[in-house]
Amino acid sequence: ACIWNIAWEAQKQGLMYASYVATGLAA
């Protein structure tokens, strides 16, 4: 859940690549 939240926060700051990577690792 922490990783998913980190991915969401990265997306809100416009860091799409970082957000996708975190999403994939959480998955």
mmCIF file of all heavy atoms, coordinates in Angstrom:
data_MODEL
# 
_entry.id   MODEL 
# 
loop_
_atom_site.group_PDB 
_atom_site.id 
_atom_site.type_symbol 
_atom_site.label_atom_id 
_atom_site.label_alt_id 
_atom_site.label_comp_id 
_atom_site.label_asym_id 
_atom_site.label_entity_id 
_atom_site.label_seq_id 
_atom_site.pdbx_PDB_ins_code 
_atom_site.Cartn_x 
_atom_site.Cartn_y 
_atom_site.Cartn_z 
_atom_site.occupancy 
_atom_site.B_iso_or_equiv 
_atom_site.pdbx_formal_charge 
_atom_site.auth_seq_id 
_atom_site.auth_comp_id 
_atom_site.auth_asym_id 
_atom_site.auth_atom_id 
_atom_site.pdbx_PDB_model_num 
ATOM 1   N N   . ALA A 1 1  ? 0.830  -1.208 0.000   1.00 0.00 ? 1  ALA A N   1 
ATOM 2   C CA  . ALA A 1 1  ? 0.000  0.000  0.000   1.00 0.00 ? 1  ALA A CA  1 
ATOM 3   C C   . ALA A 1 1  ? 0.867  1.261  0.000   1.00 0.00 ? 1  ALA A C   1 
ATOM 4   O O   . ALA A 1 1  ? 0.528  2.247  -0.674  1.00 0.00 ? 1  ALA A O   1 
ATOM 5   C CB  . ALA A 1 1  ? -0.919 -0.009 1.223   1.00 0.00 ? 1  ALA A CB  1 
ATOM 6   N N   . CYS A 1 2  ? 1.977  1.231  0.725   1.00 0.00 ? 2  CYS A N   1 
ATOM 7   C CA  . CYS A 1 2  ? 2.897  2.378  0.732   1.00 0.00 ? 2  CYS A CA  1 
ATOM 8   C C   . CYS A 1 2  ? 3.459  2.638  -0.663  1.00 0.00 ? 2  CYS A C   1 
ATOM 9   O O   . CYS A 1 2  ? 3.572  3.790  -1.094  1.00 0.00 ? 2  CYS A O   1 
ATOM 10  C CB  . CYS A 1 2  ? 4.043  2.126  1.716   1.00 0.00 ? 2  CYS A CB  1 
ATOM 11  S SG  . CYS A 1 2  ? 3.597  2.311  3.452   1.00 0.00 ? 2  CYS A SG  1 
ATOM 12  N N   . ILE A 1 3  ? 3.812  1.575  -1.369  1.00 0.00 ? 3  ILE A N   1 
ATOM 13  C CA  . ILE A 1 3  ? 4.369  1.738  -2.715  1.00 0.00 ? 3  ILE A CA  1 
ATOM 14  C C   . ILE A 1 3  ? 3.318  2.321  -3.656  1.00 0.00 ? 3  ILE A C   1 
ATOM 15  O O   . ILE A 1 3  ? 3.604  3.198  -4.472  1.00 0.00 ? 3  ILE A O   1 
ATOM 16  C CB  . ILE A 1 3  ? 4.911  0.402  -3.251  1.00 0.00 ? 3  ILE A CB  1 
ATOM 17  C CG1 . ILE A 1 3  ? 6.011  -0.136 -2.331  1.00 0.00 ? 3  ILE A CG1 1 
ATOM 18  C CG2 . ILE A 1 3  ? 5.459  0.573  -4.665  1.00 0.00 ? 3  ILE A CG2 1 
ATOM 19  C CD1 . ILE A 1 3  ? 6.559  -1.486 -2.738  1.00 0.00 ? 3  ILE A CD1 1 
ATOM 20  N N   . TRP A 1 4  ? 2.067  1.828  -3.562  1.00 0.00 ? 4  TRP A N   1 
ATOM 21  C CA  . TRP A 1 4  ? 1.001  2.386  -4.392  1.00 0.00 ? 4  TRP A CA  1 
ATOM 22  C C   . TRP A 1 4  ? 0.818  3.879  -4.100  1.00 0.00 ? 4  TRP A C   1 
ATOM 23  O O   . TRP A 1 4  ? 0.620  4.680  -5.013  1.00 0.00 ? 4  TRP A O   1 
ATOM 24  C CB  . TRP A 1 4  ? -0.321 1.652  -4.120  1.00 0.00 ? 4  TRP A CB  1 
ATOM 25  C CG  . TRP A 1 4  ? -0.458 0.353  -4.834  1.00 0.00 ? 4  TRP A CG  1 
ATOM 26  C CD1 . TRP A 1 4  ? -0.420 -0.890 -4.274  1.00 0.00 ? 4  TRP A CD1 1 
ATOM 27  C CD2 . TRP A 1 4  ? -0.653 0.140  -6.236  1.00 0.00 ? 4  TRP A CD2 1 
ATOM 28  N NE1 . TRP A 1 4  ? -0.574 -1.857 -5.231  1.00 0.00 ? 4  TRP A NE1 1 
ATOM 29  C CE2 . TRP A 1 4  ? -0.729 -1.260 -6.455  1.00 0.00 ? 4  TRP A CE2 1 
ATOM 30  C CE3 . TRP A 1 4  ? -0.773 0.994  -7.330  1.00 0.00 ? 4  TRP A CE3 1 
ATOM 31  C CZ2 . TRP A 1 4  ? -0.912 -1.816 -7.705  1.00 0.00 ? 4  TRP A CZ2 1 
ATOM 32  C CZ3 . TRP A 1 4  ? -0.965 0.434  -8.588  1.00 0.00 ? 4  TRP A CZ3 1 
ATOM 33  C CH2 . TRP A 1 4  ? -1.031 -0.941 -8.770  1.00 0.00 ? 4  TRP A CH2 1 
ATOM 34  N N   . ASN A 1 5  ? 0.868  4.251  -2.822  1.00 0.00 ? 5  ASN A N   1 
ATOM 35  C CA  . ASN A 1 5  ? 0.707  5.661  -2.453  1.00 0.00 ? 5  ASN A CA  1 
ATOM 36  C C   . ASN A 1 5  ? 1.864  6.497  -2.981  1.00 0.00 ? 5  ASN A C   1 
ATOM 37  O O   . ASN A 1 5  ? 1.665  7.639  -3.441  1.00 0.00 ? 5  ASN A O   1 
ATOM 38  C CB  . ASN A 1 5  ? 0.623  5.775  -0.926  1.00 0.00 ? 5  ASN A CB  1 
ATOM 39  C CG  . ASN A 1 5  ? 0.339  7.200  -0.490  1.00 0.00 ? 5  ASN A CG  1 
ATOM 40  O OD1 . ASN A 1 5  ? -0.689 7.787  -0.808  1.00 0.00 ? 5  ASN A OD1 1 
ATOM 41  N ND2 . ASN A 1 5  ? 1.281  7.782  0.240   1.00 0.00 ? 5  ASN A ND2 1 
ATOM 42  N N   . ILE A 1 6  ? 3.072  5.950  -2.934  1.00 0.00 ? 6  ILE A N   1 
ATOM 43  C CA  . ILE A 1 6  ? 4.243  6.657  -3.468  1.00 0.00 ? 6  ILE A CA  1 
ATOM 44  C C   . ILE A 1 6  ? 4.088  6.861  -4.968  1.00 0.00 ? 6  ILE A C   1 
ATOM 45  O O   . ILE A 1 6  ? 4.418  7.933  -5.507  1.00 0.00 ? 6  ILE A O   1 
ATOM 46  C CB  . ILE A 1 6  ? 5.526  5.867  -3.131  1.00 0.00 ? 6  ILE A CB  1 
ATOM 47  C CG1 . ILE A 1 6  ? 5.816  5.967  -1.629  1.00 0.00 ? 6  ILE A CG1 1 
ATOM 48  C CG2 . ILE A 1 6  ? 6.720  6.384  -3.943  1.00 0.00 ? 6  ILE A CG2 1 
ATOM 49  C CD1 . ILE A 1 6  ? 6.866  4.988  -1.142  1.00 0.00 ? 6  ILE A CD1 1 
ATOM 50  N N   . ALA A 1 7  ? 3.587  5.850  -5.670  1.00 0.00 ? 7  ALA A N   1 
ATOM 51  C CA  . ALA A 1 7  ? 3.349  5.977  -7.114  1.00 0.00 ? 7  ALA A CA  1 
ATOM 52  C C   . ALA A 1 7  ? 2.340  7.087  -7.401  1.00 0.00 ? 7  ALA A C   1 
ATOM 53  O O   . ALA A 1 7  ? 2.496  7.869  -8.344  1.00 0.00 ? 7  ALA A O   1 
ATOM 54  C CB  . ALA A 1 7  ? 2.854  4.648  -7.682  1.00 0.00 ? 7  ALA A CB  1 
ATOM 55  N N   . TRP A 1 8  ? 1.287  7.153  -6.592  1.00 0.00 ? 8  TRP A N   1 
ATOM 56  C CA  . TRP A 1 8  ? 0.261  8.183  -6.764  1.00 0.00 ? 8  TRP A CA  1 
ATOM 57  C C   . TRP A 1 8  ? 0.832  9.577  -6.519  1.00 0.00 ? 8  TRP A C   1 
ATOM 58  O O   . TRP A 1 8  ? 0.552  10.531 -7.254  1.00 0.00 ? 8  TRP A O   1 
ATOM 59  C CB  . TRP A 1 8  ? -0.901 7.888  -5.823  1.00 0.00 ? 8  TRP A CB  1 
ATOM 60  C CG  . TRP A 1 8  ? -1.950 8.965  -5.747  1.00 0.00 ? 8  TRP A CG  1 
ATOM 61  C CD1 . TRP A 1 8  ? -2.290 9.694  -4.650  1.00 0.00 ? 8  TRP A CD1 1 
ATOM 62  C CD2 . TRP A 1 8  ? -2.793 9.422  -6.808  1.00 0.00 ? 8  TRP A CD2 1 
ATOM 63  N NE1 . TRP A 1 8  ? -3.295 10.577 -4.952  1.00 0.00 ? 8  TRP A NE1 1 
ATOM 64  C CE2 . TRP A 1 8  ? -3.618 10.439 -6.278  1.00 0.00 ? 8  TRP A CE2 1 
ATOM 65  C CE3 . TRP A 1 8  ? -2.919 9.076  -8.147  1.00 0.00 ? 8  TRP A CE3 1 
ATOM 66  C CZ2 . TRP A 1 8  ? -4.565 11.112 -7.040  1.00 0.00 ? 8  TRP A CZ2 1 
ATOM 67  C CZ3 . TRP A 1 8  ? -3.862 9.754  -8.924  1.00 0.00 ? 8  TRP A CZ3 1 
ATOM 68  C CH2 . TRP A 1 8  ? -4.667 10.750 -8.366  1.00 0.00 ? 8  TRP A CH2 1 
ATOM 69  N N   . GLU A 1 9  ? 1.645  9.719  -5.468  1.00 0.00 ? 9  GLU A N   1 
ATOM 70  C CA  . GLU A 1 9  ? 2.259  11.014 -5.169  1.00 0.00 ? 9  GLU A CA  1 
ATOM 71  C C   . GLU A 1 9  ? 3.203  11.446 -6.291  1.00 0.00 ? 9  GLU A C   1 
ATOM 72  O O   . GLU A 1 9  ? 3.253  12.631 -6.650  1.00 0.00 ? 9  GLU A O   1 
ATOM 73  C CB  . GLU A 1 9  ? 3.019  10.947 -3.840  1.00 0.00 ? 9  GLU A CB  1 
ATOM 74  C CG  . GLU A 1 9  ? 2.136  10.784 -2.614  1.00 0.00 ? 9  GLU A CG  1 
ATOM 75  C CD  . GLU A 1 9  ? 1.221  11.976 -2.390  1.00 0.00 ? 9  GLU A CD  1 
ATOM 76  O OE1 . GLU A 1 9  ? 1.621  13.101 -2.737  1.00 0.00 ? 9  GLU A OE1 1 
ATOM 77  O OE2 . GLU A 1 9  ? 0.099  11.778 -1.884  1.00 0.00 ? 9  GLU A OE2 1 
ATOM 78  N N   . ALA A 1 10 ? 3.955  10.496 -6.855  1.00 0.00 ? 10 ALA A N   1 
ATOM 79  C CA  . ALA A 1 10 ? 4.859  10.817 -7.960  1.00 0.00 ? 10 ALA A CA  1 
ATOM 80  C C   . ALA A 1 10 ? 4.068  11.300 -9.169  1.00 0.00 ? 10 ALA A C   1 
ATOM 81  O O   . ALA A 1 10 ? 4.480  12.251 -9.862  1.00 0.00 ? 10 ALA A O   1 
ATOM 82  C CB  . ALA A 1 10 ? 5.702  9.595  -8.320  1.00 0.00 ? 10 ALA A CB  1 
ATOM 83  N N   . GLN A 1 11 ? 2.937  10.675 -9.435  1.00 0.00 ? 11 GLN A N   1 
ATOM 84  C CA  . GLN A 1 11 ? 2.097  11.095 -10.558 1.00 0.00 ? 11 GLN A CA  1 
ATOM 85  C C   . GLN A 1 11 ? 1.575  12.514 -10.341 1.00 0.00 ? 11 GLN A C   1 
ATOM 86  O O   . GLN A 1 11 ? 1.547  13.327 -11.275 1.00 0.00 ? 11 GLN A O   1 
ATOM 87  C CB  . GLN A 1 11 ? 0.933  10.128 -10.727 1.00 0.00 ? 11 GLN A CB  1 
ATOM 88  C CG  . GLN A 1 11 ? 0.038  10.469 -11.919 1.00 0.00 ? 11 GLN A CG  1 
ATOM 89  C CD  . GLN A 1 11 ? -1.123 9.507  -12.072 1.00 0.00 ? 11 GLN A CD  1 
ATOM 90  O OE1 . GLN A 1 11 ? -1.297 8.620  -11.264 1.00 0.00 ? 11 GLN A OE1 1 
ATOM 91  N NE2 . GLN A 1 11 ? -1.911 9.692  -13.108 1.00 0.00 ? 11 GLN A NE2 1 
ATOM 92  N N   . LYS A 1 12 ? 1.176  12.834 -9.119  1.00 0.00 ? 12 LYS A N   1 
ATOM 93  C CA  . LYS A 1 12 ? 0.660  14.171 -8.829  1.00 0.00 ? 12 LYS A CA  1 
ATOM 94  C C   . LYS A 1 12 ? 1.721  15.245 -9.038  1.00 0.00 ? 12 LYS A C   1 
ATOM 95  O O   . LYS A 1 12 ? 1.387  16.387 -9.353  1.00 0.00 ? 12 LYS A O   1 
ATOM 96  C CB  . LYS A 1 12 ? 0.121  14.230 -7.399  1.00 0.00 ? 12 LYS A CB  1 
ATOM 97  C CG  . LYS A 1 12 ? -1.167 13.447 -7.197  1.00 0.00 ? 12 LYS A CG  1 
ATOM 98  C CD  . LYS A 1 12 ? -1.878 13.849 -5.920  1.00 0.00 ? 12 LYS A CD  1 
ATOM 99  C CE  . LYS A 1 12 ? -1.095 13.473 -4.692  1.00 0.00 ? 12 LYS A CE  1 
ATOM 100 N NZ  . LYS A 1 12 ? -1.861 13.748 -3.446  1.00 0.00 ? 12 LYS A NZ  1 
ATOM 101 N N   . GLN A 1 13 ? 2.989  14.885 -8.879  1.00 0.00 ? 13 GLN A N   1 
ATOM 102 C CA  . GLN A 1 13 ? 4.067  15.843 -9.083  1.00 0.00 ? 13 GLN A CA  1 
ATOM 103 C C   . GLN A 1 13 ? 4.589  15.826 -10.522 1.00 0.00 ? 13 GLN A C   1 
ATOM 104 O O   . GLN A 1 13 ? 5.571  16.500 -10.834 1.00 0.00 ? 13 GLN A O   1 
ATOM 105 C CB  . GLN A 1 13 ? 5.228  15.548 -8.116  1.00 0.00 ? 13 GLN A CB  1 
ATOM 106 C CG  . GLN A 1 13 ? 4.854  15.654 -6.650  1.00 0.00 ? 13 GLN A CG  1 
ATOM 107 C CD  . GLN A 1 13 ? 4.274  16.997 -6.270  1.00 0.00 ? 13 GLN A CD  1 
ATOM 108 O OE1 . GLN A 1 13 ? 4.698  18.035 -6.798  1.00 0.00 ? 13 GLN A OE1 1 
ATOM 109 N NE2 . GLN A 1 13 ? 3.313  16.998 -5.348  1.00 0.00 ? 13 GLN A NE2 1 
ATOM 110 N N   . GLY A 1 14 ? 3.946  15.056 -11.393 1.00 0.00 ? 14 GLY A N   1 
ATOM 111 C CA  . GLY A 1 14 ? 4.329  15.023 -12.799 1.00 0.00 ? 14 GLY A CA  1 
ATOM 112 C C   . GLY A 1 14 ? 5.466  14.087 -13.141 1.00 0.00 ? 14 GLY A C   1 
ATOM 113 O O   . GLY A 1 14 ? 5.975  14.122 -14.262 1.00 0.00 ? 14 GLY A O   1 
ATOM 114 N N   . LEU A 1 15 ? 5.865  13.224 -12.195 1.00 0.00 ? 15 LEU A N   1 
ATOM 115 C CA  . LEU A 1 15 ? 6.972  12.283 -12.432 1.00 0.00 ? 15 LEU A CA  1 
ATOM 116 C C   . LEU A 1 15 ? 6.381  10.964 -12.949 1.00 0.00 ? 15 LEU A C   1 
ATOM 117 O O   . LEU A 1 15 ? 6.306  9.960  -12.230 1.00 0.00 ? 15 LEU A O   1 
ATOM 118 C CB  . LEU A 1 15 ? 7.761  12.060 -11.143 1.00 0.00 ? 15 LEU A CB  1 
ATOM 119 C CG  . LEU A 1 15 ? 8.323  13.314 -10.475 1.00 0.00 ? 15 LEU A CG  1 
ATOM 120 C CD1 . LEU A 1 15 ? 9.056  12.960 -9.184  1.00 0.00 ? 15 LEU A CD1 1 
ATOM 121 C CD2 . LEU A 1 15 ? 9.273  14.054 -11.422 1.00 0.00 ? 15 LEU A CD2 1 
ATOM 122 N N   . MET A 1 16 ? 5.982  10.966 -14.211 1.00 0.00 ? 16 MET A N   1 
ATOM 123 C CA  . MET A 1 16 ? 5.228  9.834  -14.738 1.00 0.00 ? 16 MET A CA  1 
ATOM 124 C C   . MET A 1 16 ? 6.071  8.564  -14.836 1.00 0.00 ? 16 MET A C   1 
ATOM 125 O O   . MET A 1 16 ? 5.593  7.467  -14.543 1.00 0.00 ? 16 MET A O   1 
ATOM 126 C CB  . MET A 1 16 ? 4.649  10.186 -16.108 1.00 0.00 ? 16 MET A CB  1 
ATOM 127 C CG  . MET A 1 16 ? 3.620  11.312 -16.064 1.00 0.00 ? 16 MET A CG  1 
ATOM 128 S SD  . MET A 1 16 ? 2.310  11.009 -14.830 1.00 0.00 ? 16 MET A SD  1 
ATOM 129 C CE  . MET A 1 16 ? 1.596  9.488  -15.439 1.00 0.00 ? 16 MET A CE  1 
ATOM 130 N N   . TYR A 1 17 ? 7.324  8.693  -15.257 1.00 0.00 ? 17 TYR A N   1 
ATOM 131 C CA  . TYR A 1 17 ? 8.175  7.506  -15.371 1.00 0.00 ? 17 TYR A CA  1 
ATOM 132 C C   . TYR A 1 17 ? 8.359  6.856  -13.998 1.00 0.00 ? 17 TYR A C   1 
ATOM 133 O O   . TYR A 1 17 ? 8.186  5.632  -13.845 1.00 0.00 ? 17 TYR A O   1 
ATOM 134 C CB  . TYR A 1 17 ? 9.534  7.872  -15.954 1.00 0.00 ? 17 TYR A CB  1 
ATOM 135 C CG  . TYR A 1 17 ? 10.472 6.700  -16.097 1.00 0.00 ? 17 TYR A CG  1 
ATOM 136 C CD1 . TYR A 1 17 ? 10.310 5.763  -17.103 1.00 0.00 ? 17 TYR A CD1 1 
ATOM 137 C CD2 . TYR A 1 17 ? 11.529 6.521  -15.202 1.00 0.00 ? 17 TYR A CD2 1 
ATOM 138 C CE1 . TYR A 1 17 ? 11.165 4.681  -17.228 1.00 0.00 ? 17 TYR A CE1 1 
ATOM 139 C CE2 . TYR A 1 17 ? 12.389 5.439  -15.319 1.00 0.00 ? 17 TYR A CE2 1 
ATOM 140 C CZ  . TYR A 1 17 ? 12.205 4.525  -16.333 1.00 0.00 ? 17 TYR A CZ  1 
ATOM 141 O OH  . TYR A 1 17 ? 13.061 3.449  -16.441 1.00 0.00 ? 17 TYR A OH  1 
ATOM 142 N N   . ALA A 1 18 ? 8.672  7.664  -13.001 1.00 0.00 ? 18 ALA A N   1 
ATOM 143 C CA  . ALA A 1 18 ? 8.843  7.153  -11.643 1.00 0.00 ? 18 ALA A CA  1 
ATOM 144 C C   . ALA A 1 18 ? 7.549  6.534  -11.136 1.00 0.00 ? 18 ALA A C   1 
ATOM 145 O O   . ALA A 1 18 ? 7.558  5.495  -10.464 1.00 0.00 ? 18 ALA A O   1 
ATOM 146 C CB  . ALA A 1 18 ? 9.301  8.274  -10.712 1.00 0.00 ? 18 ALA A CB  1 
ATOM 147 N N   . SER A 1 19 ? 6.422  7.159  -11.463 1.00 0.00 ? 19 SER A N   1 
ATOM 148 C CA  . SER A 1 19 ? 5.135  6.643  -11.025 1.00 0.00 ? 19 SER A CA  1 
ATOM 149 C C   . SER A 1 19 ? 4.841  5.281  -11.644 1.00 0.00 ? 19 SER A C   1 
ATOM 150 O O   . SER A 1 19 ? 4.393  4.359  -10.954 1.00 0.00 ? 19 SER A O   1 
ATOM 151 C CB  . SER A 1 19 ? 4.025  7.635  -11.404 1.00 0.00 ? 19 SER A CB  1 
ATOM 152 O OG  . SER A 1 19 ? 2.750  7.122  -11.067 1.00 0.00 ? 19 SER A OG  1 
ATOM 153 N N   . TYR A 1 20 ? 5.108  5.141  -12.944 1.00 0.00 ? 20 TYR A N   1 
ATOM 154 C CA  . TYR A 1 20 ? 4.865  3.849  -13.605 1.00 0.00 ? 20 TYR A CA  1 
ATOM 155 C C   . TYR A 1 20 ? 5.770  2.763  -13.051 1.00 0.00 ? 20 TYR A C   1 
ATOM 156 O O   . TYR A 1 20 ? 5.345  1.609  -12.869 1.00 0.00 ? 20 TYR A O   1 
ATOM 157 C CB  . TYR A 1 20 ? 5.082  3.985  -15.111 1.00 0.00 ? 20 TYR A CB  1 
ATOM 158 C CG  . TYR A 1 20 ? 3.994  4.741  -15.828 1.00 0.00 ? 20 TYR A CG  1 
ATOM 159 C CD1 . TYR A 1 20 ? 4.312  5.684  -16.810 1.00 0.00 ? 20 TYR A CD1 1 
ATOM 160 C CD2 . TYR A 1 20 ? 2.652  4.522  -15.549 1.00 0.00 ? 20 TYR A CD2 1 
ATOM 161 C CE1 . TYR A 1 20 ? 3.318  6.392  -17.491 1.00 0.00 ? 20 TYR A CE1 1 
ATOM 162 C CE2 . TYR A 1 20 ? 1.655  5.217  -16.217 1.00 0.00 ? 20 TYR A CE2 1 
ATOM 163 C CZ  . TYR A 1 20 ? 1.992  6.154  -17.183 1.00 0.00 ? 20 TYR A CZ  1 
ATOM 164 O OH  . TYR A 1 20 ? 1.012  6.838  -17.839 1.00 0.00 ? 20 TYR A OH  1 
ATOM 165 N N   . VAL A 1 21 ? 7.034  3.098  -12.792 1.00 0.00 ? 21 VAL A N   1 
ATOM 166 C CA  . VAL A 1 21 ? 7.964  2.113  -12.235 1.00 0.00 ? 21 VAL A CA  1 
ATOM 167 C C   . VAL A 1 21 ? 7.481  1.646  -10.867 1.00 0.00 ? 21 VAL A C   1 
ATOM 168 O O   . VAL A 1 21 ? 7.430  0.437  -10.585 1.00 0.00 ? 21 VAL A O   1 
ATOM 169 C CB  . VAL A 1 21 ? 9.385  2.696  -12.133 1.00 0.00 ? 21 VAL A CB  1 
ATOM 170 C CG1 . VAL A 1 21 ? 10.277 1.774  -11.301 1.00 0.00 ? 21 VAL A CG1 1 
ATOM 171 C CG2 . VAL A 1 21 ? 9.989  2.874  -13.521 1.00 0.00 ? 21 VAL A CG2 1 
ATOM 172 N N   . ALA A 1 22 ? 7.109  2.587  -10.004 1.00 0.00 ? 22 ALA A N   1 
ATOM 173 C CA  . ALA A 1 22 ? 6.623  2.223  -8.666  1.00 0.00 ? 22 ALA A CA  1 
ATOM 174 C C   . ALA A 1 22 ? 5.350  1.388  -8.762  1.00 0.00 ? 22 ALA A C   1 
ATOM 175 O O   . ALA A 1 22 ? 5.172  0.418  -8.012  1.00 0.00 ? 22 ALA A O   1 
ATOM 176 C CB  . ALA A 1 22 ? 6.378  3.485  -7.842  1.00 0.00 ? 22 ALA A CB  1 
ATOM 177 N N   . THR A 1 23 ? 4.468  1.751  -9.689  1.00 0.00 ? 23 THR A N   1 
ATOM 178 C CA  . THR A 1 23 ? 3.240  0.978  -9.890  1.00 0.00 ? 23 THR A CA  1 
ATOM 179 C C   . THR A 1 23 ? 3.568  -0.456 -10.299 1.00 0.00 ? 23 THR A C   1 
ATOM 180 O O   . THR A 1 23 ? 2.988  -1.414 -9.770  1.00 0.00 ? 23 THR A O   1 
ATOM 181 C CB  . THR A 1 23 ? 2.371  1.634  -10.973 1.00 0.00 ? 23 THR A CB  1 
ATOM 182 O OG1 . THR A 1 23 ? 1.975  2.933  -10.547 1.00 0.00 ? 23 THR A OG1 1 
ATOM 183 C CG2 . THR A 1 23 ? 1.132  0.797  -11.259 1.00 0.00 ? 23 THR A CG2 1 
ATOM 184 N N   . GLY A 1 24 ? 4.483  -0.612 -11.242 1.00 0.00 ? 24 GLY A N   1 
ATOM 185 C CA  . GLY A 1 24 ? 4.862  -1.948 -11.699 1.00 0.00 ? 24 GLY A CA  1 
ATOM 186 C C   . GLY A 1 24 ? 5.496  -2.785 -10.602 1.00 0.00 ? 24 GLY A C   1 
ATOM 187 O O   . GLY A 1 24 ? 5.202  -3.982 -10.468 1.00 0.00 ? 24 GLY A O   1 
ATOM 188 N N   . LEU A 1 25 ? 6.358  -2.166 -9.794  1.00 0.00 ? 25 LEU A N   1 
ATOM 189 C CA  . LEU A 1 25 ? 7.005  -2.902 -8.709  1.00 0.00 ? 25 LEU A CA  1 
ATOM 190 C C   . LEU A 1 25 ? 5.989  -3.297 -7.639  1.00 0.00 ? 25 LEU A C   1 
ATOM 191 O O   . LEU A 1 25 ? 6.061  -4.399 -7.084  1.00 0.00 ? 25 LEU A O   1 
ATOM 192 C CB  . LEU A 1 25 ? 8.123  -2.052 -8.102  1.00 0.00 ? 25 LEU A CB  1 
ATOM 193 C CG  . LEU A 1 25 ? 9.286  -1.716 -9.048  1.00 0.00 ? 25 LEU A CG  1 
ATOM 194 C CD1 . LEU A 1 25 ? 10.334 -0.881 -8.321  1.00 0.00 ? 25 LEU A CD1 1 
ATOM 195 C CD2 . LEU A 1 25 ? 9.919  -2.976 -9.629  1.00 0.00 ? 25 LEU A CD2 1 
ATOM 196 N N   . ALA A 1 26 ? 5.036  -2.403 -7.353  1.00 0.00 ? 26 ALA A N   1 
ATOM 197 C CA  . ALA A 1 26 ? 3.972  -2.738 -6.404  1.00 0.00 ? 26 ALA A CA  1 
ATOM 198 C C   . ALA A 1 26 ? 3.153  -3.920 -6.921  1.00 0.00 ? 26 ALA A C   1 
ATOM 199 O O   . ALA A 1 26 ? 2.775  -4.820 -6.154  1.00 0.00 ? 26 ALA A O   1 
ATOM 200 C CB  . ALA A 1 26 ? 3.072  -1.530 -6.167  1.00 0.00 ? 26 ALA A CB  1 
ATOM 201 N N   . ALA A 1 27 ? 2.886  -3.917 -8.227  1.00 0.00 ? 27 ALA A N   1 
ATOM 202 C CA  . ALA A 1 27 ? 2.124  -5.016 -8.827  1.00 0.00 ? 27 ALA A CA  1 
ATOM 203 C C   . ALA A 1 27 ? 2.898  -6.329 -8.751  1.00 0.00 ? 27 ALA A C   1 
ATOM 204 O O   . ALA A 1 27 ? 2.322  -7.384 -8.451  1.00 0.00 ? 27 ALA A O   1 
ATOM 205 C CB  . ALA A 1 27 ? 1.779  -4.685 -10.277 1.00 0.00 ? 27 ALA A CB  1 
# 
